[in-house]
Amino acid sequence: MTVAAEKFSRLLGETHRLWRARLDQRLKPLGLSQARWLAIFHLARGGDGLTQTELAGRIGIEGPTLVRLLDRLTASGHIERRGLPHDRRCKTVHLSRKARGLLKKMIAVADSLREELLQDIPQRELETGGRLLLKLKKRLEAAKP
C-alpha cells in the first residue's frame, strides 16, 4: 500500500466520523441522537414501511441493536411498528406524524452543515471526489465479505 493510499483511507474514516459527530451535535436540540436521526433519515429516504431487517441493513447495525433503538423511537412517538398480515414475525417500521414534522428541520440542519463545510471547495473538486467515492462504494458492494 502506498503512503497516499494509507493516508486517504485514514482520512476518509476520520472525516466520516467527524462529520457525523458534528451533525449529531447540531441535531441534539431537536431531541435526536445519532442513532435516532439515522433511523428517521433512512425511513424517510427508503420509503415508509421498511422491514426491521431492511432498516438494520441500511443503517449498518445488527438486529438486536435495532430492536432497542426502535423500542426507544416507539416510546418517544417517532415511529410505529406493524406486523405483516402474511408473516406476524416480520415487522414493518413507519414514521409517525411527529417524526415527519422533524424531517424538514433535520434536512435544514444537514443542509446547513454541508453548505458550511463545502462552501469554498470548487465544484470540480467535489465532482472528482464524488466519482472516487462512488468507485469505492461500488467495489465494496461487489466484494464478498
N, C-alpha and C. Protein backbone atom coordinates (compact mmCIF):
# COMPACT_ATOMS: atom_id res chain seq x y z
N MET A 1 0.86 -1.18 0.00
CA MET A 1 0.00 0.00 0.00
C MET A 1 0.90 1.24 0.00
N THR A 2 0.53 2.20 -0.81
CA THR A 2 1.31 3.43 -0.87
C THR A 2 0.97 4.32 0.31
N VAL A 3 1.84 5.25 0.57
CA VAL A 3 1.60 6.21 1.65
C VAL A 3 0.34 7.03 1.35
N ALA A 4 0.17 7.40 0.08
CA ALA A 4 -1.01 8.18 -0.31
C ALA A 4 -2.29 7.39 -0.07
N ALA A 5 -2.30 6.09 -0.42
CA ALA A 5 -3.49 5.26 -0.22
C ALA A 5 -3.80 5.10 1.27
N GLU A 6 -2.76 4.90 2.06
CA GLU A 6 -2.97 4.77 3.51
C GLU A 6 -3.51 6.07 4.08
N LYS A 7 -2.94 7.18 3.68
CA LYS A 7 -3.40 8.49 4.18
C LYS A 7 -4.85 8.73 3.76
N PHE A 8 -5.17 8.42 2.50
CA PHE A 8 -6.53 8.62 2.00
C PHE A 8 -7.53 7.80 2.82
N SER A 9 -7.25 6.52 3.01
CA SER A 9 -8.21 5.66 3.72
C SER A 9 -8.38 6.11 5.17
N ARG A 10 -7.30 6.51 5.80
CA ARG A 10 -7.39 7.00 7.19
C ARG A 10 -8.21 8.29 7.25
N LEU A 11 -7.93 9.22 6.34
CA LEU A 11 -8.65 10.49 6.32
C LEU A 11 -10.14 10.30 6.00
N LEU A 12 -10.44 9.34 5.13
CA LEU A 12 -11.83 9.07 4.79
C LEU A 12 -12.61 8.65 6.04
N GLY A 13 -12.05 7.72 6.79
CA GLY A 13 -12.71 7.28 8.02
C GLY A 13 -12.84 8.37 9.06
N GLU A 14 -11.78 9.13 9.24
CA GLU A 14 -11.79 10.22 10.24
C GLU A 14 -12.79 11.30 9.85
N THR A 15 -12.83 11.63 8.56
CA THR A 15 -13.75 12.66 8.09
C THR A 15 -15.20 12.23 8.28
N HIS A 16 -15.48 10.98 7.96
CA HIS A 16 -16.83 10.45 8.16
C HIS A 16 -17.23 10.55 9.62
N ARG A 17 -16.36 10.11 10.50
CA ARG A 17 -16.65 10.14 11.94
C ARG A 17 -16.89 11.57 12.43
N LEU A 18 -16.03 12.51 12.02
CA LEU A 18 -16.16 13.90 12.45
C LEU A 18 -17.43 14.55 11.89
N TRP A 19 -17.74 14.27 10.63
CA TRP A 19 -18.94 14.86 10.02
C TRP A 19 -20.18 14.39 10.75
N ARG A 20 -20.27 13.07 11.00
CA ARG A 20 -21.43 12.55 11.71
C ARG A 20 -21.51 13.09 13.13
N ALA A 21 -20.38 13.24 13.79
CA ALA A 21 -20.38 13.78 15.15
C ALA A 21 -20.86 15.23 15.16
N ARG A 22 -20.44 16.01 14.18
CA ARG A 22 -20.87 17.42 14.10
C ARG A 22 -22.36 17.50 13.81
N LEU A 23 -22.85 16.65 12.92
CA LEU A 23 -24.28 16.62 12.62
C LEU A 23 -25.06 16.20 13.86
N ASP A 24 -24.55 15.23 14.57
CA ASP A 24 -25.19 14.76 15.80
C ASP A 24 -25.31 15.91 16.81
N GLN A 25 -24.25 16.70 16.97
CA GLN A 25 -24.28 17.85 17.88
C GLN A 25 -25.38 18.84 17.49
N ARG A 26 -25.51 19.05 16.20
CA ARG A 26 -26.48 20.04 15.73
C ARG A 26 -27.92 19.53 15.78
N LEU A 27 -28.09 18.22 15.78
CA LEU A 27 -29.45 17.67 15.85
C LEU A 27 -29.90 17.40 17.28
N LYS A 28 -29.00 17.45 18.23
CA LYS A 28 -29.37 17.22 19.64
C LYS A 28 -30.47 18.16 20.13
N PRO A 29 -30.45 19.47 19.75
CA PRO A 29 -31.55 20.35 20.20
C PRO A 29 -32.93 19.90 19.74
N LEU A 30 -32.98 19.07 18.71
CA LEU A 30 -34.26 18.52 18.25
C LEU A 30 -34.65 17.27 19.03
N GLY A 31 -33.81 16.90 20.00
CA GLY A 31 -34.06 15.71 20.81
C GLY A 31 -33.67 14.42 20.11
N LEU A 32 -32.75 14.52 19.16
CA LEU A 32 -32.36 13.35 18.39
C LEU A 32 -30.90 12.98 18.64
N SER A 33 -30.69 11.72 18.91
CA SER A 33 -29.33 11.18 18.98
C SER A 33 -28.93 10.76 17.58
N GLN A 34 -27.68 10.43 17.41
CA GLN A 34 -27.20 9.98 16.11
C GLN A 34 -28.00 8.78 15.61
N ALA A 35 -28.21 7.81 16.47
CA ALA A 35 -28.94 6.61 16.07
C ALA A 35 -30.38 6.95 15.68
N ARG A 36 -31.01 7.82 16.44
CA ARG A 36 -32.40 8.17 16.15
C ARG A 36 -32.54 8.91 14.83
N TRP A 37 -31.68 9.93 14.60
CA TRP A 37 -31.83 10.66 13.35
C TRP A 37 -31.46 9.80 12.15
N LEU A 38 -30.52 8.88 12.33
CA LEU A 38 -30.17 7.98 11.23
C LEU A 38 -31.36 7.08 10.86
N ALA A 39 -32.03 6.56 11.86
CA ALA A 39 -33.19 5.69 11.59
C ALA A 39 -34.30 6.48 10.90
N ILE A 40 -34.59 7.67 11.40
CA ILE A 40 -35.63 8.51 10.79
C ILE A 40 -35.24 8.86 9.35
N PHE A 41 -33.98 9.24 9.16
CA PHE A 41 -33.49 9.58 7.83
C PHE A 41 -33.66 8.42 6.86
N HIS A 42 -33.24 7.23 7.26
CA HIS A 42 -33.33 6.07 6.36
C HIS A 42 -34.77 5.66 6.10
N LEU A 43 -35.63 5.80 7.08
CA LEU A 43 -37.05 5.50 6.85
C LEU A 43 -37.65 6.51 5.87
N ALA A 44 -37.32 7.77 6.03
CA ALA A 44 -37.85 8.80 5.13
C ALA A 44 -37.30 8.62 3.72
N ARG A 45 -36.05 8.29 3.63
CA ARG A 45 -35.39 8.14 2.33
C ARG A 45 -35.76 6.83 1.65
N GLY A 46 -35.90 5.76 2.42
CA GLY A 46 -36.16 4.44 1.87
C GLY A 46 -37.62 4.13 1.64
N GLY A 47 -38.47 5.02 2.04
CA GLY A 47 -39.89 4.76 1.89
C GLY A 47 -40.45 4.18 3.17
N ASP A 48 -41.59 4.64 3.53
CA ASP A 48 -42.23 4.18 4.75
C ASP A 48 -42.55 2.71 4.63
N GLY A 49 -42.39 2.00 5.72
CA GLY A 49 -42.77 0.60 5.74
C GLY A 49 -41.64 -0.37 5.45
N LEU A 50 -40.40 0.05 5.69
CA LEU A 50 -39.28 -0.88 5.57
C LEU A 50 -39.42 -1.95 6.65
N THR A 51 -38.97 -3.14 6.35
CA THR A 51 -38.94 -4.15 7.41
C THR A 51 -37.80 -3.81 8.36
N GLN A 52 -37.85 -4.37 9.54
CA GLN A 52 -36.79 -4.13 10.51
C GLN A 52 -35.45 -4.61 9.96
N THR A 53 -35.45 -5.72 9.24
CA THR A 53 -34.22 -6.26 8.65
C THR A 53 -33.66 -5.30 7.61
N GLU A 54 -34.53 -4.76 6.75
CA GLU A 54 -34.08 -3.79 5.73
C GLU A 54 -33.50 -2.55 6.38
N LEU A 55 -34.17 -2.06 7.41
CA LEU A 55 -33.71 -0.86 8.09
C LEU A 55 -32.36 -1.10 8.77
N ALA A 56 -32.21 -2.24 9.42
CA ALA A 56 -30.92 -2.57 10.07
C ALA A 56 -29.80 -2.58 9.03
N GLY A 57 -30.06 -3.15 7.86
CA GLY A 57 -29.06 -3.18 6.80
C GLY A 57 -28.68 -1.81 6.30
N ARG A 58 -29.66 -0.95 6.16
CA ARG A 58 -29.39 0.41 5.68
C ARG A 58 -28.60 1.23 6.69
N ILE A 59 -28.92 1.04 7.96
CA ILE A 59 -28.21 1.79 9.00
C ILE A 59 -26.84 1.18 9.25
N GLY A 60 -26.74 -0.13 9.05
CA GLY A 60 -25.48 -0.82 9.28
C GLY A 60 -25.32 -1.29 10.71
N ILE A 61 -26.44 -1.74 11.30
CA ILE A 61 -26.38 -2.27 12.66
C ILE A 61 -27.02 -3.64 12.70
N GLU A 62 -26.76 -4.37 13.76
CA GLU A 62 -27.31 -5.71 13.95
C GLU A 62 -28.76 -5.63 14.44
N GLY A 63 -29.51 -6.69 14.19
CA GLY A 63 -30.91 -6.75 14.57
C GLY A 63 -31.22 -6.41 16.02
N PRO A 64 -30.51 -7.05 16.99
CA PRO A 64 -30.82 -6.73 18.40
C PRO A 64 -30.59 -5.26 18.75
N THR A 65 -29.57 -4.64 18.16
CA THR A 65 -29.30 -3.22 18.39
C THR A 65 -30.44 -2.39 17.82
N LEU A 66 -30.92 -2.78 16.64
CA LEU A 66 -32.03 -2.05 16.02
C LEU A 66 -33.29 -2.17 16.86
N VAL A 67 -33.56 -3.35 17.40
CA VAL A 67 -34.77 -3.54 18.21
C VAL A 67 -34.78 -2.58 19.40
N ARG A 68 -33.65 -2.44 20.07
CA ARG A 68 -33.57 -1.49 21.20
C ARG A 68 -33.81 -0.06 20.74
N LEU A 69 -33.21 0.30 19.59
CA LEU A 69 -33.41 1.64 19.03
C LEU A 69 -34.87 1.87 18.68
N LEU A 70 -35.50 0.89 18.05
CA LEU A 70 -36.90 1.04 17.67
C LEU A 70 -37.80 1.10 18.89
N ASP A 71 -37.44 0.39 19.95
CA ASP A 71 -38.21 0.49 21.20
C ASP A 71 -38.19 1.93 21.71
N ARG A 72 -37.01 2.56 21.68
CA ARG A 72 -36.90 3.96 22.13
C ARG A 72 -37.65 4.91 21.21
N LEU A 73 -37.57 4.68 19.88
CA LEU A 73 -38.28 5.54 18.93
C LEU A 73 -39.79 5.37 19.04
N THR A 74 -40.24 4.18 19.37
CA THR A 74 -41.66 3.94 19.58
C THR A 74 -42.12 4.66 20.85
N ALA A 75 -41.34 4.53 21.92
CA ALA A 75 -41.68 5.18 23.19
C ALA A 75 -41.71 6.70 23.06
N SER A 76 -40.84 7.26 22.22
CA SER A 76 -40.79 8.72 22.05
C SER A 76 -41.80 9.22 21.02
N GLY A 77 -42.52 8.29 20.39
CA GLY A 77 -43.56 8.69 19.45
C GLY A 77 -43.08 9.01 18.04
N HIS A 78 -41.87 8.55 17.69
CA HIS A 78 -41.33 8.85 16.36
C HIS A 78 -41.69 7.80 15.30
N ILE A 79 -41.93 6.58 15.73
CA ILE A 79 -42.26 5.52 14.78
C ILE A 79 -43.34 4.61 15.34
N GLU A 80 -43.87 3.78 14.47
CA GLU A 80 -44.71 2.68 14.92
C GLU A 80 -44.33 1.45 14.10
N ARG A 81 -44.44 0.31 14.75
CA ARG A 81 -44.15 -0.97 14.09
C ARG A 81 -45.46 -1.69 13.83
N ARG A 82 -45.52 -2.31 12.66
CA ARG A 82 -46.72 -3.05 12.29
C ARG A 82 -46.33 -4.44 11.81
N GLY A 83 -47.12 -5.41 12.22
CA GLY A 83 -46.91 -6.77 11.74
C GLY A 83 -47.48 -6.92 10.34
N LEU A 84 -46.90 -7.81 9.58
CA LEU A 84 -47.41 -8.11 8.25
C LEU A 84 -48.50 -9.17 8.36
N PRO A 85 -49.59 -9.02 7.63
CA PRO A 85 -50.68 -9.99 7.74
C PRO A 85 -50.26 -11.42 7.39
N HIS A 86 -49.36 -11.56 6.44
CA HIS A 86 -48.94 -12.89 6.00
C HIS A 86 -47.75 -13.46 6.79
N ASP A 87 -47.14 -12.64 7.64
CA ASP A 87 -46.00 -13.11 8.44
C ASP A 87 -45.90 -12.27 9.71
N ARG A 88 -46.47 -12.76 10.78
CA ARG A 88 -46.52 -12.00 12.02
C ARG A 88 -45.15 -11.79 12.66
N ARG A 89 -44.17 -12.61 12.27
CA ARG A 89 -42.82 -12.46 12.82
C ARG A 89 -42.11 -11.25 12.22
N CYS A 90 -42.54 -10.85 11.03
CA CYS A 90 -41.91 -9.74 10.33
C CYS A 90 -42.65 -8.44 10.66
N LYS A 91 -41.89 -7.42 11.03
CA LYS A 91 -42.48 -6.12 11.36
C LYS A 91 -41.99 -5.07 10.36
N THR A 92 -42.90 -4.16 9.99
CA THR A 92 -42.50 -3.01 9.19
C THR A 92 -42.48 -1.79 10.12
N VAL A 93 -41.65 -0.83 9.73
CA VAL A 93 -41.45 0.36 10.55
C VAL A 93 -41.99 1.56 9.79
N HIS A 94 -42.76 2.40 10.47
CA HIS A 94 -43.42 3.55 9.85
C HIS A 94 -43.15 4.81 10.67
N LEU A 95 -42.90 5.90 9.96
CA LEU A 95 -42.70 7.18 10.63
C LEU A 95 -44.02 7.71 11.15
N SER A 96 -43.98 8.32 12.32
CA SER A 96 -45.17 8.95 12.88
C SER A 96 -45.27 10.38 12.36
N ARG A 97 -46.36 11.00 12.66
CA ARG A 97 -46.55 12.41 12.31
C ARG A 97 -45.48 13.27 12.98
N LYS A 98 -45.14 12.91 14.21
CA LYS A 98 -44.10 13.64 14.95
C LYS A 98 -42.77 13.59 14.20
N ALA A 99 -42.38 12.41 13.73
CA ALA A 99 -41.12 12.27 13.00
C ALA A 99 -41.17 13.01 11.67
N ARG A 100 -42.31 12.92 11.00
CA ARG A 100 -42.44 13.63 9.72
C ARG A 100 -42.30 15.14 9.92
N GLY A 101 -42.77 15.62 11.06
CA GLY A 101 -42.63 17.04 11.38
C GLY A 101 -41.18 17.45 11.60
N LEU A 102 -40.36 16.51 12.02
CA LEU A 102 -38.94 16.78 12.25
C LEU A 102 -38.11 16.74 10.96
N LEU A 103 -38.62 16.10 9.94
CA LEU A 103 -37.83 15.89 8.73
C LEU A 103 -37.31 17.19 8.12
N LYS A 104 -38.18 18.18 7.97
CA LYS A 104 -37.75 19.46 7.38
C LYS A 104 -36.65 20.09 8.22
N LYS A 105 -36.79 20.03 9.53
CA LYS A 105 -35.77 20.60 10.41
C LYS A 105 -34.47 19.82 10.31
N MET A 106 -34.57 18.49 10.28
CA MET A 106 -33.37 17.65 10.15
C MET A 106 -32.64 17.96 8.85
N ILE A 107 -33.40 18.05 7.77
CA ILE A 107 -32.81 18.31 6.46
C ILE A 107 -32.17 19.70 6.44
N ALA A 108 -32.83 20.67 7.05
CA ALA A 108 -32.27 22.03 7.10
C ALA A 108 -30.95 22.05 7.86
N VAL A 109 -30.88 21.33 8.97
CA VAL A 109 -29.65 21.26 9.76
C VAL A 109 -28.55 20.59 8.95
N ALA A 110 -28.87 19.46 8.31
CA ALA A 110 -27.88 18.74 7.50
C ALA A 110 -27.42 19.58 6.31
N ASP A 111 -28.37 20.26 5.65
CA ASP A 111 -28.01 21.12 4.51
C ASP A 111 -27.11 22.26 4.95
N SER A 112 -27.41 22.84 6.10
CA SER A 112 -26.61 23.95 6.61
C SER A 112 -25.18 23.51 6.90
N LEU A 113 -25.03 22.35 7.53
CA LEU A 113 -23.70 21.83 7.82
C LEU A 113 -22.94 21.54 6.53
N ARG A 114 -23.60 20.89 5.60
CA ARG A 114 -22.96 20.56 4.31
C ARG A 114 -22.49 21.82 3.61
N GLU A 115 -23.36 22.83 3.58
CA GLU A 115 -23.01 24.09 2.92
C GLU A 115 -21.82 24.75 3.61
N GLU A 116 -21.82 24.73 4.92
CA GLU A 116 -20.73 25.32 5.69
C GLU A 116 -19.40 24.61 5.42
N LEU A 117 -19.43 23.29 5.38
CA LEU A 117 -18.21 22.52 5.21
C LEU A 117 -17.68 22.55 3.77
N LEU A 118 -18.56 22.67 2.80
CA LEU A 118 -18.15 22.57 1.40
C LEU A 118 -18.15 23.91 0.67
N GLN A 119 -18.44 24.98 1.38
CA GLN A 119 -18.68 26.28 0.74
C GLN A 119 -17.57 26.78 -0.17
N ASP A 120 -16.32 26.57 0.16
CA ASP A 120 -15.24 27.13 -0.66
C ASP A 120 -14.49 26.06 -1.47
N ILE A 121 -15.07 24.89 -1.56
CA ILE A 121 -14.46 23.82 -2.36
C ILE A 121 -15.04 23.90 -3.77
N PRO A 122 -14.17 24.04 -4.77
CA PRO A 122 -14.66 24.18 -6.14
C PRO A 122 -15.51 22.98 -6.58
N GLN A 123 -16.52 23.26 -7.39
CA GLN A 123 -17.43 22.24 -7.91
C GLN A 123 -16.67 21.10 -8.57
N ARG A 124 -15.64 21.43 -9.29
CA ARG A 124 -14.85 20.41 -9.99
C ARG A 124 -14.23 19.41 -9.01
N GLU A 125 -13.72 19.91 -7.89
CA GLU A 125 -13.13 19.02 -6.88
C GLU A 125 -14.20 18.15 -6.24
N LEU A 126 -15.38 18.72 -6.00
CA LEU A 126 -16.48 17.93 -5.44
C LEU A 126 -16.89 16.82 -6.40
N GLU A 127 -16.95 17.12 -7.67
CA GLU A 127 -17.32 16.11 -8.66
C GLU A 127 -16.27 15.01 -8.75
N THR A 128 -14.99 15.39 -8.71
CA THR A 128 -13.91 14.40 -8.75
C THR A 128 -13.96 13.51 -7.51
N GLY A 129 -14.11 14.14 -6.36
CA GLY A 129 -14.21 13.37 -5.11
C GLY A 129 -15.42 12.45 -5.11
N GLY A 130 -16.53 12.94 -5.66
CA GLY A 130 -17.74 12.12 -5.73
C GLY A 130 -17.55 10.89 -6.62
N ARG A 131 -16.86 11.08 -7.74
CA ARG A 131 -16.60 9.93 -8.63
C ARG A 131 -15.71 8.91 -7.94
N LEU A 132 -14.70 9.37 -7.22
CA LEU A 132 -13.80 8.46 -6.50
C LEU A 132 -14.56 7.68 -5.43
N LEU A 133 -15.38 8.38 -4.65
CA LEU A 133 -16.14 7.70 -3.60
C LEU A 133 -17.14 6.71 -4.20
N LEU A 134 -17.74 7.05 -5.33
CA LEU A 134 -18.67 6.13 -5.98
C LEU A 134 -17.96 4.86 -6.44
N LYS A 135 -16.76 4.98 -6.98
CA LYS A 135 -15.98 3.80 -7.37
C LYS A 135 -15.69 2.92 -6.17
N LEU A 136 -15.29 3.54 -5.07
CA LEU A 136 -15.00 2.77 -3.86
C LEU A 136 -16.25 2.08 -3.34
N LYS A 137 -17.37 2.80 -3.35
CA LYS A 137 -18.62 2.22 -2.87
C LYS A 137 -19.02 1.01 -3.70
N LYS A 138 -18.92 1.13 -5.01
CA LYS A 138 -19.27 0.01 -5.89
C LYS A 138 -18.37 -1.19 -5.65
N ARG A 139 -17.09 -0.96 -5.44
CA ARG A 139 -16.17 -2.08 -5.16
C ARG A 139 -16.53 -2.75 -3.86
N LEU A 140 -16.85 -1.96 -2.86
CA LEU A 140 -17.21 -2.53 -1.56
C LEU A 140 -18.51 -3.32 -1.65
N GLU A 141 -19.48 -2.80 -2.40
CA GLU A 141 -20.74 -3.51 -2.55
C GLU A 141 -20.58 -4.81 -3.33
N ALA A 142 -19.67 -4.82 -4.28
CA ALA A 142 -19.44 -6.00 -5.11
C ALA A 142 -18.55 -7.04 -4.43
N ALA A 143 -17.75 -6.60 -3.48
CA ALA A 143 -16.81 -7.51 -2.82
C ALA A 143 -17.54 -8.47 -1.91
N LYS A 144 -17.05 -9.68 -1.88
CA LYS A 144 -17.61 -10.67 -0.96
C LYS A 144 -16.95 -10.51 0.39
N PRO A 145 -17.73 -10.65 1.46
CA PRO A 145 -17.16 -10.49 2.81
C PRO A 145 -16.08 -11.52 3.12
